[in-house]
Amino acid sequence: MFVQSRTGKNVWAFGVEPAKVKYRLRLARYPALAEYLGQWLQDRADTDKLTLVDIGVGFGRTFFYVEAQGLADDFDEVGVRGFRIISGGVLRWLENHFWWYRFKRWLGSVLPRLCIEIQLLMVPKA
């Protein structure tokens, strides 16, 4: 399902993203999660709810694997929230204030494309 082989230097980890080796142990959690979501979508009752909290850095790696599993069309986007739009550096001292946190949450909701991190809020299609 996730296996794709390329000759030469072009190797795809689990057939999804460029890597140096096909089966990086560090990336094994992503296809496993995608397989679990696929099984859950098949087995769930209409009243079942799922909360998935994906904490990490990078470029939306979890969704790459969900998409490769063919599940991207099974979810509807309900919102986007941005985080870390302004942080660190000379402004780091402001991170001790709740009002700064609230301002950044608001700014991230208005301008998520300018944020370093975002949350894509999705729900399973009925």
C-alpha atoms as a PDB file:
ATOM      1  CA  MET A   1       0.000   0.000   0.000  1.00  0.00           C
ATOM      2  CA  PHE A   2       2.737   2.483   0.895  1.00  0.00           C
ATOM      3  CA  VAL A   3       5.550   0.802  -1.047  1.00  0.00           C
ATOM      4  CA  GLN A   4       7.034   2.668  -3.965  1.00  0.00           C
ATOM      5  CA  SER A   5      10.522   2.041  -5.238  1.00  0.00           C
ATOM      6  CA  ARG A   6      12.658   4.329  -7.344  1.00  0.00           C
ATOM      7  CA  THR A   7      16.055   3.637  -8.705  1.00  0.00           C
ATOM      8  CA  GLY A   8      19.048   5.813  -7.981  1.00  0.00           C
ATOM      9  CA  LYS A   9      19.014   8.415  -5.228  1.00  0.00           C
ATOM     10  CA  ASN A  10      15.289   9.070  -5.354  1.00  0.00           C
ATOM     11  CA  VAL A  11      13.828   7.002  -2.535  1.00  0.00           C
ATOM     12  CA  TRP A  12      10.384   7.538  -1.041  1.00  0.00           C
ATOM     13  CA  ALA A  13       9.753   6.701   2.619  1.00  0.00           C
ATOM     14  CA  PHE A  14       6.714   4.419   2.640  1.00  0.00           C
ATOM     15  CA  GLY A  15       6.049   5.660  -0.902  1.00  0.00           C
ATOM     16  CA  VAL A  16       4.910   9.033   0.406  1.00  0.00           C
ATOM     17  CA  GLU A  17       7.816  11.436   0.940  1.00  0.00           C
ATOM     18  CA  PRO A  18      11.424  11.786  -0.235  1.00  0.00           C
ATOM     19  CA  ALA A  19      13.920  10.139   2.099  1.00  0.00           C
ATOM     20  CA  LYS A  20      17.279   8.373   2.203  1.00  0.00           C
ATOM     21  CA  VAL A  21      15.743   4.989   3.043  1.00  0.00           C
ATOM     22  CA  LYS A  22      12.366   3.375   2.277  1.00  0.00           C
ATOM     23  CA  TYR A  23      11.322   2.432   5.790  1.00  0.00           C
ATOM     24  CA  ARG A  24      12.579   4.958   8.333  1.00  0.00           C
ATOM     25  CA  LEU A  25      11.571   3.809  11.777  1.00  0.00           C
ATOM     26  CA  ARG A  26      11.053   7.426  12.822  1.00  0.00           C
ATOM     27  CA  LEU A  27       8.344   7.763  10.143  1.00  0.00           C
ATOM     28  CA  ALA A  28       6.601   4.435  10.846  1.00  0.00           C
ATOM     29  CA  ARG A  29       3.992   6.104  13.063  1.00  0.00           C
ATOM     30  CA  TYR A  30       2.495   7.984  10.115  1.00  0.00           C
ATOM     31  CA  PRO A  31       1.426   5.050   7.915  1.00  0.00           C
ATOM     32  CA  ALA A  32       0.284   3.238  11.063  1.00  0.00           C
ATOM     33  CA  LEU A  33      -1.921   6.205  11.991  1.00  0.00           C
ATOM     34  CA  ALA A  34      -3.306   6.432   8.449  1.00  0.00           C
ATOM     35  CA  GLU A  35      -4.144   2.719   8.488  1.00  0.00           C
ATOM     36  CA  TYR A  36      -5.856   3.115  11.871  1.00  0.00           C
ATOM     37  CA  LEU A  37      -7.926   6.065  10.612  1.00  0.00           C
ATOM     38  CA  GLY A  38      -8.974   4.056   7.554  1.00  0.00           C
ATOM     39  CA  GLN A  39     -10.095   1.153   9.720  1.00  0.00           C
ATOM     40  CA  TRP A  40     -11.876   3.483  12.140  1.00  0.00           C
ATOM     41  CA  LEU A  41     -13.790   5.140   9.292  1.00  0.00           C
ATOM     42  CA  GLN A  42     -14.981   1.731   8.090  1.00  0.00           C
ATOM     43  CA  ASP A  43     -15.974   0.439  11.529  1.00  0.00           C
ATOM     44  CA  ARG A  44     -17.398   3.548  13.191  1.00  0.00           C
ATOM     45  CA  ALA A  45     -21.012   4.047  14.104  1.00  0.00           C
ATOM     46  CA  ASP A  46     -22.708   7.299  13.084  1.00  0.00           C
ATOM     47  CA  THR A  47     -22.495   8.536  16.666  1.00  0.00           C
ATOM     48  CA  ASP A  48     -18.759   7.806  17.092  1.00  0.00           C
ATOM     49  CA  LYS A  49     -16.515  10.822  17.365  1.00  0.00           C
ATOM     50  CA  LEU A  50     -12.771  11.010  16.963  1.00  0.00           C
ATOM     51  CA  THR A  51     -10.388  13.575  18.313  1.00  0.00           C
ATOM     52  CA  LEU A  52      -6.929  13.399  16.796  1.00  0.00           C
ATOM     53  CA  VAL A  53      -4.242  15.581  18.242  1.00  0.00           C
ATOM     54  CA  ASP A  54      -1.156  15.559  16.047  1.00  0.00           C
ATOM     55  CA  ILE A  55       1.670  17.378  17.757  1.00  0.00           C
ATOM     56  CA  GLY A  56       4.789  17.893  15.752  1.00  0.00           C
ATOM     57  CA  VAL A  57       6.862  20.132  13.617  1.00  0.00           C
ATOM     58  CA  GLY A  58       7.379  20.244   9.920  1.00  0.00           C
ATOM     59  CA  PHE A  59       5.082  20.550   6.980  1.00  0.00           C
ATOM     60  CA  GLY A  60       1.927  18.586   7.735  1.00  0.00           C
ATOM     61  CA  ARG A  61       3.456  15.143   7.507  1.00  0.00           C
ATOM     62  CA  THR A  62       0.454  13.336   8.990  1.00  0.00           C
ATOM     63  CA  PHE A  63      -1.850  14.578   6.251  1.00  0.00           C
ATOM     64  CA  PHE A  64       0.572  13.328   3.546  1.00  0.00           C
ATOM     65  CA  TYR A  65       0.116   9.818   4.889  1.00  0.00           C
ATOM     66  CA  VAL A  66      -3.642  10.161   5.349  1.00  0.00           C
ATOM     67  CA  GLU A  67      -3.822  11.369   1.767  1.00  0.00           C
ATOM     68  CA  ALA A  68      -1.636   8.483   0.528  1.00  0.00           C
ATOM     69  CA  GLN A  69      -3.999   6.054   2.274  1.00  0.00           C
ATOM     70  CA  GLY A  70      -6.811   7.554   0.181  1.00  0.00           C
ATOM     71  CA  LEU A  71      -8.639   9.050   3.152  1.00  0.00           C
ATOM     72  CA  ALA A  72      -8.340  12.761   2.380  1.00  0.00           C
ATOM     73  CA  ASP A  73     -11.772  12.839   0.732  1.00  0.00           C
ATOM     74  CA  ASP A  74     -13.365  11.250   3.816  1.00  0.00           C
ATOM     75  CA  PHE A  75     -12.903  14.402   5.898  1.00  0.00           C
ATOM     76  CA  ASP A  76     -14.328  17.921   5.680  1.00  0.00           C
ATOM     77  CA  GLU A  77     -12.296  20.944   6.724  1.00  0.00           C
ATOM     78  CA  VAL A  78     -14.087  22.989   9.358  1.00  0.00           C
ATOM     79  CA  GLY A  79     -11.416  25.530  10.168  1.00  0.00           C
ATOM     80  CA  VAL A  80      -7.788  26.559  10.325  1.00  0.00           C
ATOM     81  CA  ARG A  81      -5.958  28.055  13.289  1.00  0.00           C
ATOM     82  CA  GLY A  82      -2.498  29.505  13.068  1.00  0.00           C
ATOM     83  CA  PHE A  83       0.128  29.584  15.799  1.00  0.00           C
ATOM     84  CA  ARG A  84       3.552  31.153  16.259  1.00  0.00           C
ATOM     85  CA  ILE A  85       2.962  34.026  13.894  1.00  0.00           C
ATOM     86  CA  ILE A  86       5.180  36.299  15.991  1.00  0.00           C
ATOM     87  CA  SER A  87       7.454  34.644  18.520  1.00  0.00           C
ATOM     88  CA  GLY A  88      10.927  34.627  19.958  1.00  0.00           C
ATOM     89  CA  GLY A  89      13.718  37.082  19.406  1.00  0.00           C
ATOM     90  CA  VAL A  90      13.390  40.527  20.894  1.00  0.00           C
ATOM     91  CA  LEU A  91       9.684  39.882  21.564  1.00  0.00           C
ATOM     92  CA  ARG A  92      10.255  36.741  23.648  1.00  0.00           C
ATOM     93  CA  TRP A  93       9.582  38.608  26.929  1.00  0.00           C
ATOM     94  CA  LEU A  94       5.989  39.155  25.770  1.00  0.00           C
ATOM     95  CA  GLU A  95       5.412  35.391  25.831  1.00  0.00           C
ATOM     96  CA  ASN A  96       5.008  35.629  29.612  1.00  0.00           C
ATOM     97  CA  HIS A  97       1.744  37.570  29.194  1.00  0.00           C
ATOM     98  CA  PHE A  98      -1.680  36.045  28.637  1.00  0.00           C
ATOM     99  CA  TRP A  99      -2.858  38.986  26.560  1.00  0.00           C
ATOM    100  CA  TRP A 100       0.027  38.357  24.100  1.00  0.00           C
ATOM    101  CA  TYR A 101      -1.021  34.729  23.804  1.00  0.00           C
ATOM    102  CA  ARG A 102      -4.640  35.771  23.102  1.00  0.00           C
ATOM    103  CA  PHE A 103      -3.484  38.351  20.544  1.00  0.00           C
ATOM    104  CA  LYS A 104      -1.387  35.748  18.731  1.00  0.00           C
ATOM    105  CA  ARG A 105      -4.311  33.287  18.752  1.00  0.00           C
ATOM    106  CA  TRP A 106      -6.529  35.944  17.196  1.00  0.00           C
ATOM    107  CA  LEU A 107      -3.891  36.991  14.664  1.00  0.00           C
ATOM    108  CA  GLY A 108      -3.277  33.354  13.746  1.00  0.00           C
ATOM    109  CA  SER A 109      -6.985  32.820  13.105  1.00  0.00           C
ATOM    110  CA  VAL A 110      -7.093  35.872  10.837  1.00  0.00           C
ATOM    111  CA  LEU A 111      -3.800  35.224   9.006  1.00  0.00           C
ATOM    112  CA  PRO A 112      -3.048  31.474   9.227  1.00  0.00           C
ATOM    113  CA  ARG A 113      -0.944  31.496   6.033  1.00  0.00           C
ATOM    114  CA  LEU A 114       1.635  33.701   7.740  1.00  0.00           C
ATOM    115  CA  CYS A 115       2.069  31.335  10.686  1.00  0.00           C
ATOM    116  CA  ILE A 116       4.891  28.910  11.306  1.00  0.00           C
ATOM    117  CA  GLU A 117       2.444  26.287  12.606  1.00  0.00           C
ATOM    118  CA  ILE A 118      -1.224  25.716  11.871  1.00  0.00           C
ATOM    119  CA  GLN A 119      -3.939  23.340  12.984  1.00  0.00           C
ATOM    120  CA  LEU A 120      -6.251  22.090  10.284  1.00  0.00           C
ATOM    121  CA  LEU A 121      -9.569  21.248  11.933  1.00  0.00           C
ATOM    122  CA  MET A 122     -11.390  18.432  10.176  1.00  0.00           C
ATOM    123  CA  VAL A 123     -14.355  16.171  10.827  1.00  0.00           C
ATOM    124  CA  PRO A 124     -15.266  12.850   9.176  1.00  0.00           C
ATOM    125  CA  LYS A 125     -17.874  13.149   6.446  1.00  0.00           C
ATOM    126  CA  ALA A 126     -21.264  11.797   7.408  1.00  0.00           C
END
